[in-house]
N, C-alpha and C. Protein backbone atom coordinates (compact mmCIF):
# COMPACT_ATOMS: atom_id res chain seq x y z
N MET A 1 183.50 248.69 221.01
CA MET A 1 183.79 247.44 221.72
C MET A 1 182.81 246.37 221.06
N LEU A 2 183.23 245.22 221.15
CA LEU A 2 182.40 244.17 220.57
C LEU A 2 181.29 243.70 221.65
N GLY A 3 180.28 243.15 221.12
CA GLY A 3 179.26 242.67 222.08
C GLY A 3 179.83 241.51 222.99
N ILE A 4 179.29 241.33 224.16
CA ILE A 4 179.66 240.46 225.11
C ILE A 4 179.68 239.02 224.63
N GLU A 5 178.82 238.64 223.75
CA GLU A 5 178.78 237.19 223.19
C GLU A 5 180.10 237.13 222.22
N GLU A 6 180.35 238.10 221.45
CA GLU A 6 181.48 238.11 220.57
C GLU A 6 182.77 238.07 221.37
N LEU A 7 182.81 238.86 222.33
CA LEU A 7 183.98 238.86 223.25
C LEU A 7 184.12 237.46 223.91
N TYR A 8 183.11 236.90 224.42
CA TYR A 8 183.25 235.59 224.91
C TYR A 8 183.76 234.49 223.92
N ARG A 9 183.17 234.51 222.79
CA ARG A 9 183.56 233.54 221.66
C ARG A 9 185.05 233.77 221.27
N ARG A 10 185.31 235.03 221.12
CA ARG A 10 186.77 235.28 220.65
C ARG A 10 187.90 234.95 221.72
N TYR A 11 187.59 235.33 223.08
CA TYR A 11 188.69 235.36 224.02
C TYR A 11 188.50 234.25 225.07
N ARG A 12 187.38 233.42 225.09
CA ARG A 12 187.27 232.64 226.30
C ARG A 12 188.37 231.59 226.41
N ASP A 13 188.73 231.09 225.26
CA ASP A 13 190.01 230.13 225.33
C ASP A 13 191.24 230.79 225.97
N ASP A 14 191.46 231.98 225.45
CA ASP A 14 192.75 232.66 225.92
C ASP A 14 192.65 232.97 227.42
N VAL A 15 191.46 233.48 227.77
CA VAL A 15 191.28 233.87 229.13
C VAL A 15 191.31 232.60 229.89
N TYR A 16 190.76 231.49 229.45
CA TYR A 16 190.77 230.34 230.33
C TYR A 16 192.24 229.83 230.43
N ARG A 17 193.00 229.75 229.37
CA ARG A 17 194.43 229.28 229.58
C ARG A 17 195.23 230.12 230.46
N TYR A 18 195.07 231.49 230.51
CA TYR A 18 195.71 232.38 231.29
C TYR A 18 195.39 232.09 232.71
N LEU A 19 194.13 231.93 233.04
CA LEU A 19 193.70 231.55 234.28
C LEU A 19 194.16 230.18 234.85
N ALA A 20 194.16 229.24 233.90
CA ALA A 20 194.62 228.07 234.24
C ALA A 20 196.02 228.00 234.55
N SER A 21 196.85 228.77 233.93
CA SER A 21 198.26 228.94 234.20
C SER A 21 198.50 229.56 235.58
N LEU A 22 197.60 230.47 235.88
CA LEU A 22 197.77 231.09 237.24
C LEU A 22 197.36 230.15 238.35
N THR A 23 196.19 229.48 238.11
CA THR A 23 195.56 228.76 239.31
C THR A 23 196.27 227.35 239.37
N HIS A 24 196.50 226.66 238.22
CA HIS A 24 196.97 225.37 238.24
C HIS A 24 195.71 224.45 238.70
N ASP A 25 194.59 224.92 238.48
CA ASP A 25 193.45 224.23 238.93
C ASP A 25 192.32 224.56 237.89
N PRO A 26 191.98 223.51 236.94
CA PRO A 26 191.02 223.68 235.92
C PRO A 26 189.65 224.26 236.47
N ALA A 27 189.18 223.54 237.61
CA ALA A 27 187.81 223.97 238.01
C ALA A 27 187.87 225.25 238.34
N LEU A 28 188.83 225.91 239.26
CA LEU A 28 189.00 227.09 239.74
C LEU A 28 189.17 228.14 238.33
N ALA A 29 189.88 227.74 237.44
CA ALA A 29 190.00 228.53 236.14
C ALA A 29 188.71 228.69 235.65
N GLU A 30 187.88 227.69 235.54
CA GLU A 30 186.58 227.66 234.92
C GLU A 30 185.62 228.67 235.66
N ASP A 31 185.61 228.60 237.06
CA ASP A 31 184.91 229.53 237.74
C ASP A 31 185.24 230.91 237.57
N LEU A 32 186.67 231.16 237.62
CA LEU A 32 187.14 232.50 237.43
C LEU A 32 186.84 233.08 236.00
N LEU A 33 186.90 232.20 234.96
CA LEU A 33 186.43 232.62 233.53
C LEU A 33 185.01 233.11 233.64
N SER A 34 184.09 232.38 234.24
CA SER A 34 182.76 232.87 234.40
C SER A 34 182.66 234.25 235.00
N GLU A 35 183.29 234.21 236.12
CA GLU A 35 183.34 235.55 236.89
C GLU A 35 183.90 236.78 235.98
N THR A 36 184.90 236.40 235.16
CA THR A 36 185.62 237.31 234.32
C THR A 36 184.53 237.98 233.43
N PHE A 37 183.95 237.24 232.69
CA PHE A 37 182.87 237.57 231.81
C PHE A 37 181.64 238.22 232.37
N LEU A 38 181.32 237.85 233.66
CA LEU A 38 180.28 238.38 234.34
C LEU A 38 180.68 239.85 234.79
N CYS A 39 181.84 239.95 235.22
CA CYS A 39 182.39 241.30 235.52
C CYS A 39 182.51 242.22 234.41
N ALA A 40 182.89 241.66 233.20
CA ALA A 40 182.96 242.38 231.97
C ALA A 40 181.68 242.97 231.49
N VAL A 41 180.66 242.24 231.92
CA VAL A 41 179.24 242.64 231.49
C VAL A 41 178.84 243.94 232.40
N GLN A 42 179.09 243.71 233.64
CA GLN A 42 178.78 244.81 234.46
C GLN A 42 179.78 246.07 234.30
N LYS A 43 180.91 245.83 233.91
CA LYS A 43 181.95 247.10 233.56
C LYS A 43 181.96 247.40 232.25
N ALA A 44 181.24 246.94 231.31
CA ALA A 44 181.28 247.23 229.96
C ALA A 44 181.27 248.65 229.60
N GLY A 45 180.52 249.45 230.41
CA GLY A 45 180.51 250.84 230.26
C GLY A 45 181.70 251.66 230.60
N THR A 46 182.56 250.94 231.35
CA THR A 46 183.89 251.54 231.74
C THR A 46 185.00 251.45 230.76
N PHE A 47 184.69 250.46 229.85
CA PHE A 47 185.91 250.21 228.93
C PHE A 47 186.22 251.41 228.03
N ARG A 48 187.44 252.03 228.14
CA ARG A 48 187.74 253.21 227.33
C ARG A 48 188.39 253.09 226.09
N GLY A 49 188.89 251.77 225.92
CA GLY A 49 189.41 251.47 224.63
C GLY A 49 191.04 251.95 224.68
N GLN A 50 191.61 252.09 225.85
CA GLN A 50 192.96 252.43 225.96
C GLN A 50 193.86 251.25 225.70
N SER A 51 193.24 250.14 225.88
CA SER A 51 193.95 248.77 225.59
C SER A 51 193.06 247.99 224.72
N SER A 52 193.60 246.93 224.40
CA SER A 52 192.81 245.95 223.56
C SER A 52 191.72 245.36 224.55
N GLU A 53 190.69 244.74 223.86
CA GLU A 53 189.58 244.03 224.70
C GLU A 53 190.28 242.94 225.24
N LYS A 54 191.15 242.26 224.73
CA LYS A 54 191.83 241.13 225.25
C LYS A 54 192.61 241.44 226.55
N THR A 55 193.33 242.44 226.55
CA THR A 55 194.09 243.02 227.56
C THR A 55 193.22 243.48 228.86
N TRP A 56 192.16 244.06 228.36
CA TRP A 56 191.13 244.40 229.41
C TRP A 56 190.50 243.29 230.17
N LEU A 57 190.21 242.23 229.42
CA LEU A 57 189.73 240.86 229.96
C LEU A 57 190.71 240.33 230.91
N PHE A 58 191.92 240.27 230.46
CA PHE A 58 193.13 239.58 231.05
C PHE A 58 193.34 240.40 232.44
N GLY A 59 193.08 241.68 232.45
CA GLY A 59 193.23 242.51 233.81
C GLY A 59 192.18 242.14 234.74
N ILE A 60 190.84 242.15 234.17
CA ILE A 60 189.82 241.50 235.04
C ILE A 60 190.06 240.15 235.61
N ALA A 61 190.54 239.27 234.62
CA ALA A 61 190.68 237.93 235.22
C ALA A 61 191.87 237.83 236.24
N ARG A 62 192.95 238.64 236.07
CA ARG A 62 193.95 238.84 236.99
C ARG A 62 193.48 239.29 238.43
N ASN A 63 192.74 240.31 238.40
CA ASN A 63 192.33 240.83 239.64
C ASN A 63 191.29 239.88 240.29
N LEU A 64 190.50 239.28 239.62
CA LEU A 64 189.67 238.19 240.24
C LEU A 64 190.44 237.10 240.73
N TRP A 65 191.51 236.64 239.93
CA TRP A 65 192.42 235.71 240.61
C TRP A 65 193.11 236.10 241.85
N LEU A 66 193.66 237.34 241.93
CA LEU A 66 194.14 237.81 243.14
C LEU A 66 193.20 237.84 244.36
N GLN A 67 191.94 238.38 244.09
CA GLN A 67 190.84 238.42 245.08
C GLN A 67 190.64 237.01 245.53
N SER A 68 190.64 235.96 244.71
CA SER A 68 190.34 234.66 245.08
C SER A 68 191.65 234.09 246.09
N LEU A 69 192.83 234.40 245.78
CA LEU A 69 193.91 234.18 246.52
C LEU A 69 193.86 234.88 247.87
N ARG A 70 193.53 236.03 248.02
CA ARG A 70 193.36 236.71 249.27
C ARG A 70 192.19 236.05 250.08
N LYS A 71 191.23 235.69 249.48
CA LYS A 71 190.01 235.14 250.14
C LYS A 71 190.28 233.70 250.60
N ASN A 72 190.93 232.97 249.79
CA ASN A 72 191.08 231.54 250.19
C ASN A 72 192.39 231.22 250.77
N ARG A 73 193.34 232.04 250.82
CA ARG A 73 194.46 231.76 251.55
C ARG A 73 194.86 232.77 252.44
N PRO A 74 195.42 232.62 253.69
CA PRO A 74 195.70 233.66 254.64
C PRO A 74 196.79 234.55 254.04
N THR A 75 197.62 233.99 253.15
CA THR A 75 198.68 234.91 252.72
C THR A 75 198.95 234.61 251.29
N VAL A 76 199.17 235.77 250.51
CA VAL A 76 199.63 235.48 249.14
C VAL A 76 201.20 235.73 249.04
N GLU A 77 201.72 234.89 248.20
CA GLU A 77 203.15 234.92 248.01
C GLU A 77 203.49 236.37 247.47
N TYR A 78 204.34 237.01 248.19
CA TYR A 78 204.73 238.42 247.91
C TYR A 78 205.47 238.48 246.45
N ASN A 79 206.28 237.54 246.20
CA ASN A 79 206.97 237.58 245.04
C ASN A 79 206.06 237.27 243.86
N ASP A 80 204.74 236.60 244.01
CA ASP A 80 203.97 236.46 242.97
C ASP A 80 203.36 237.75 242.73
N LEU A 81 202.99 238.53 243.63
CA LEU A 81 202.24 239.81 243.40
C LEU A 81 203.17 240.76 242.81
N LEU A 82 204.58 240.72 243.15
CA LEU A 82 205.48 241.57 242.56
C LEU A 82 205.66 241.23 241.04
N GLY A 83 205.70 239.91 240.66
CA GLY A 83 205.88 239.45 239.25
C GLY A 83 204.72 240.09 238.45
N LEU A 84 203.47 239.89 239.06
CA LEU A 84 202.28 240.52 238.35
C LEU A 84 202.18 241.93 238.38
N TYR A 85 202.68 242.61 239.42
CA TYR A 85 202.65 244.01 239.54
C TYR A 85 203.44 244.71 238.36
N VAL A 86 204.56 244.16 238.20
CA VAL A 86 205.52 244.80 237.15
C VAL A 86 205.17 244.48 235.83
N GLU A 87 204.60 243.33 235.63
CA GLU A 87 204.32 242.84 234.11
C GLU A 87 202.84 243.11 233.70
N ASP A 88 202.83 243.81 232.72
CA ASP A 88 201.59 244.18 232.08
C ASP A 88 201.15 243.12 230.99
N ARG A 89 202.21 242.66 230.21
CA ARG A 89 201.87 241.83 229.14
C ARG A 89 201.70 240.40 229.55
N VAL A 90 200.58 240.06 229.99
CA VAL A 90 200.19 238.77 230.49
C VAL A 90 200.01 237.79 229.39
N GLY A 91 200.28 236.55 229.68
CA GLY A 91 200.19 235.51 228.87
C GLY A 91 201.32 235.17 228.08
N GLU A 92 202.52 235.89 228.32
CA GLU A 92 203.76 235.51 227.71
C GLU A 92 204.42 234.55 228.48
N ALA A 93 205.28 233.73 227.84
CA ALA A 93 206.04 232.74 228.66
C ALA A 93 207.36 233.30 229.27
N TYR A 94 207.48 233.24 230.52
CA TYR A 94 208.78 233.57 231.23
C TYR A 94 208.55 233.08 232.75
N ASP A 95 209.47 233.12 233.34
CA ASP A 95 209.56 232.62 234.69
C ASP A 95 209.24 233.61 235.67
N PHE A 96 208.02 233.70 236.20
CA PHE A 96 207.59 234.76 237.27
C PHE A 96 208.42 234.73 238.45
N ARG A 97 209.02 233.54 238.98
CA ARG A 97 209.77 233.64 240.18
C ARG A 97 211.00 234.22 239.96
N GLN A 98 211.79 233.87 238.90
CA GLN A 98 212.92 234.69 238.44
C GLN A 98 212.81 236.10 238.36
N LEU A 99 211.64 236.52 237.64
CA LEU A 99 211.42 237.89 237.46
C LEU A 99 211.13 238.66 238.82
N ALA A 100 210.35 237.97 239.63
CA ALA A 100 210.15 238.45 241.10
C ALA A 100 211.33 238.62 241.87
N GLU A 101 212.12 237.71 241.80
CA GLU A 101 213.55 237.74 242.43
C GLU A 101 214.39 239.10 242.02
N ARG A 102 214.36 239.32 240.77
CA ARG A 102 214.99 240.23 240.26
C ARG A 102 214.40 241.67 240.64
N VAL A 103 213.10 241.61 240.66
CA VAL A 103 212.33 242.86 241.07
C VAL A 103 212.56 243.08 242.48
N ALA A 104 212.61 241.96 243.23
CA ALA A 104 212.81 242.19 244.70
C ALA A 104 214.30 242.98 244.88
N GLN A 105 215.22 242.50 244.02
CA GLN A 105 216.68 243.02 244.20
C GLN A 105 216.56 244.45 243.81
N LEU A 106 215.97 244.87 242.72
CA LEU A 106 215.79 246.14 242.32
C LEU A 106 215.18 247.05 243.32
N LEU A 107 214.09 246.55 243.90
CA LEU A 107 213.45 247.28 244.83
C LEU A 107 214.34 247.60 246.17
N GLU A 108 215.03 246.69 246.48
CA GLU A 108 216.16 246.89 247.68
C GLU A 108 216.95 247.99 247.35
N ALA A 109 217.37 248.35 246.24
CA ALA A 109 218.19 249.44 245.93
C ALA A 109 217.44 250.68 245.77
N LEU A 110 216.23 250.78 245.86
CA LEU A 110 215.32 252.00 245.92
C LEU A 110 215.46 252.80 247.21
N PRO A 111 215.26 254.00 247.22
CA PRO A 111 215.10 254.82 248.45
C PRO A 111 213.86 254.28 249.13
N GLU A 112 213.96 254.36 250.61
CA GLU A 112 212.94 253.78 251.36
C GLU A 112 211.52 254.14 250.93
N ARG A 113 211.33 255.51 250.78
CA ARG A 113 209.93 255.78 250.57
C ARG A 113 209.33 255.25 249.21
N GLU A 114 210.17 255.25 248.14
CA GLU A 114 209.73 254.64 246.81
C GLU A 114 209.49 253.17 247.02
N ARG A 115 210.28 252.52 247.76
CA ARG A 115 210.13 251.04 248.03
C ARG A 115 208.90 250.76 248.74
N THR A 116 208.60 251.49 249.76
CA THR A 116 207.41 251.42 250.64
C THR A 116 206.12 251.48 249.73
N ILE A 117 206.17 252.51 248.94
CA ILE A 117 204.93 252.75 248.08
C ILE A 117 204.72 251.80 247.07
N VAL A 118 205.69 251.16 246.61
CA VAL A 118 205.64 250.09 245.55
C VAL A 118 205.13 248.87 246.29
N GLN A 119 205.78 248.56 247.47
CA GLN A 119 205.43 247.42 248.22
C GLN A 119 203.96 247.50 248.65
N LEU A 120 203.44 248.44 249.13
CA LEU A 120 202.15 248.73 249.53
C LEU A 120 201.10 248.63 248.35
N ARG A 121 201.56 249.18 247.21
CA ARG A 121 200.62 249.15 246.04
C ARG A 121 200.59 247.74 245.48
N ALA A 122 201.73 246.98 245.60
CA ALA A 122 201.75 245.57 245.16
C ALA A 122 200.86 244.67 245.96
N ARG A 123 200.75 244.89 247.15
CA ARG A 123 199.81 244.44 248.17
C ARG A 123 198.37 244.74 247.85
N GLY A 124 198.08 245.65 246.93
CA GLY A 124 196.75 246.08 246.64
C GLY A 124 196.17 247.21 247.42
N LEU A 125 196.85 247.84 248.21
CA LEU A 125 196.35 249.15 248.92
C LEU A 125 196.12 250.34 247.99
N PRO A 126 194.90 251.06 248.25
CA PRO A 126 194.75 252.07 247.46
C PRO A 126 195.59 253.11 247.64
N TYR A 127 195.69 254.17 246.67
CA TYR A 127 196.73 255.19 246.76
C TYR A 127 196.45 256.16 247.98
N GLU A 128 195.13 256.29 248.30
CA GLU A 128 194.82 257.20 249.58
C GLU A 128 195.34 256.59 250.80
N GLU A 129 195.33 255.25 251.02
CA GLU A 129 195.93 254.69 252.27
C GLU A 129 197.41 254.67 252.13
N ILE A 130 197.96 254.53 251.15
CA ILE A 130 199.55 254.67 250.80
C ILE A 130 199.96 256.05 251.15
N ALA A 131 199.15 256.98 250.73
CA ALA A 131 199.57 258.42 250.89
C ALA A 131 199.51 258.63 252.19
N ALA A 132 198.52 258.27 253.10
CA ALA A 132 198.14 258.51 254.47
C ALA A 132 199.40 257.83 255.30
N ARG A 133 199.86 256.65 254.97
CA ARG A 133 200.99 255.97 255.65
C ARG A 133 202.22 256.70 255.44
N CYS A 134 202.35 257.22 254.20
CA CYS A 134 203.74 257.85 253.83
C CYS A 134 203.82 259.49 254.05
N GLY A 135 202.55 259.91 254.40
CA GLY A 135 202.59 261.30 254.65
C GLY A 135 202.60 262.34 253.56
N ILE A 136 202.03 261.83 252.42
CA ILE A 136 202.22 262.48 251.04
C ILE A 136 200.63 262.58 250.52
N ARG A 137 200.46 263.21 249.58
CA ARG A 137 199.21 263.27 248.85
C ARG A 137 198.97 261.99 247.97
N ALA A 138 197.76 261.57 247.78
CA ALA A 138 197.54 260.42 246.91
C ALA A 138 198.15 260.59 245.52
N GLY A 139 197.85 261.89 244.96
CA GLY A 139 198.38 262.18 243.56
C GLY A 139 200.07 261.84 243.56
N SER A 140 200.59 262.36 244.67
CA SER A 140 202.12 261.98 244.70
C SER A 140 202.42 260.49 244.73
N ALA A 141 201.70 259.90 245.51
CA ALA A 141 202.00 258.44 245.59
C ALA A 141 201.72 257.64 244.24
N ARG A 142 200.64 258.17 243.57
CA ARG A 142 200.36 257.72 242.22
C ARG A 142 201.56 257.89 241.19
N VAL A 143 202.09 259.05 241.25
CA VAL A 143 203.19 259.54 240.37
C VAL A 143 204.37 258.68 240.69
N ILE A 144 204.68 258.58 241.98
CA ILE A 144 205.99 257.82 242.42
C ILE A 144 205.94 256.52 242.06
N GLU A 145 204.66 255.88 242.31
CA GLU A 145 204.60 254.52 241.94
C GLU A 145 204.76 254.31 240.40
N TYR A 146 204.09 255.14 239.52
CA TYR A 146 204.14 255.00 238.11
C TYR A 146 205.58 255.20 237.74
N ARG A 147 206.34 256.07 238.23
CA ARG A 147 207.73 256.45 237.74
C ARG A 147 208.65 255.15 238.15
N VAL A 148 208.47 254.67 239.39
CA VAL A 148 209.28 253.48 239.79
C VAL A 148 208.88 252.21 239.00
N ARG A 149 207.77 252.10 238.71
CA ARG A 149 207.19 250.97 237.86
C ARG A 149 207.82 251.00 236.53
N GLN A 150 207.89 252.26 235.93
CA GLN A 150 208.41 252.40 234.58
C GLN A 150 209.87 252.13 234.55
N SER A 151 210.50 252.53 235.68
CA SER A 151 211.99 252.56 235.70
C SER A 151 212.21 250.96 235.86
N LEU A 152 211.44 250.39 236.71
CA LEU A 152 211.74 248.82 236.83
C LEU A 152 211.57 248.12 235.54
N LYS A 153 210.53 248.42 234.82
CA LYS A 153 210.22 247.78 233.42
C LYS A 153 211.38 248.00 232.46
N GLU A 154 211.89 249.31 232.47
CA GLU A 154 212.95 249.52 231.52
C GLU A 154 214.27 248.85 232.08
N THR A 155 214.39 248.77 233.15
CA THR A 155 215.72 247.97 233.71
C THR A 155 215.51 246.58 233.24
N LEU A 156 214.35 246.00 233.62
CA LEU A 156 214.18 244.63 233.23
C LEU A 156 214.05 244.30 231.65
N ARG A 157 213.62 245.25 230.89
CA ARG A 157 213.72 245.11 229.40
C ARG A 157 215.23 245.08 229.22
N LYS A 158 216.01 245.87 229.54
CA LYS A 158 217.43 246.02 229.13
C LYS A 158 218.12 244.69 229.60
N GLU A 159 217.84 244.09 230.74
CA GLU A 159 218.33 242.96 231.13
C GLU A 159 217.67 241.59 230.56
N GLY A 160 216.75 241.68 229.64
CA GLY A 160 216.15 240.63 229.04
C GLY A 160 215.11 239.88 229.55
N TYR A 161 214.57 240.45 230.72
CA TYR A 161 213.56 239.68 231.46
C TYR A 161 212.01 239.99 230.67
N LEU A 162 212.00 241.05 230.04
CA LEU A 162 210.73 241.51 229.33
C LEU A 162 210.88 241.56 227.96
């Protein structure tokens, strides 16, 4: 992994643009940008190289943005969370609302247990809590959520959303 200074030089503009597109607030995007790189410094030892450094930074930025939404607003738009939940390729241009509406339609067609697991995970609940609510093991919740997400992505790819 690159040094933090090099990461900052290489990716600050991309991360800032991504955050600005999420927040629609340049000042908040700037604050979250700083927090993103601060968090990256703290978590540098956890980077396993399973994704690009840019993707890793975007994931940190997205999580910080979601935390700020939860902290600053009493509710987060569920459709916004679903759009982010399904999509891993951040920064590409498409309509999150349209994507979220289609995801909601696909979720309605799922069996209740799978739909509940995905909805709870999209709201940020840990697998242990999801498992307790659904009466299954945390590992099972993780596997079910992963399979549903992969199925949703495949359907959305076929339909041209991704």
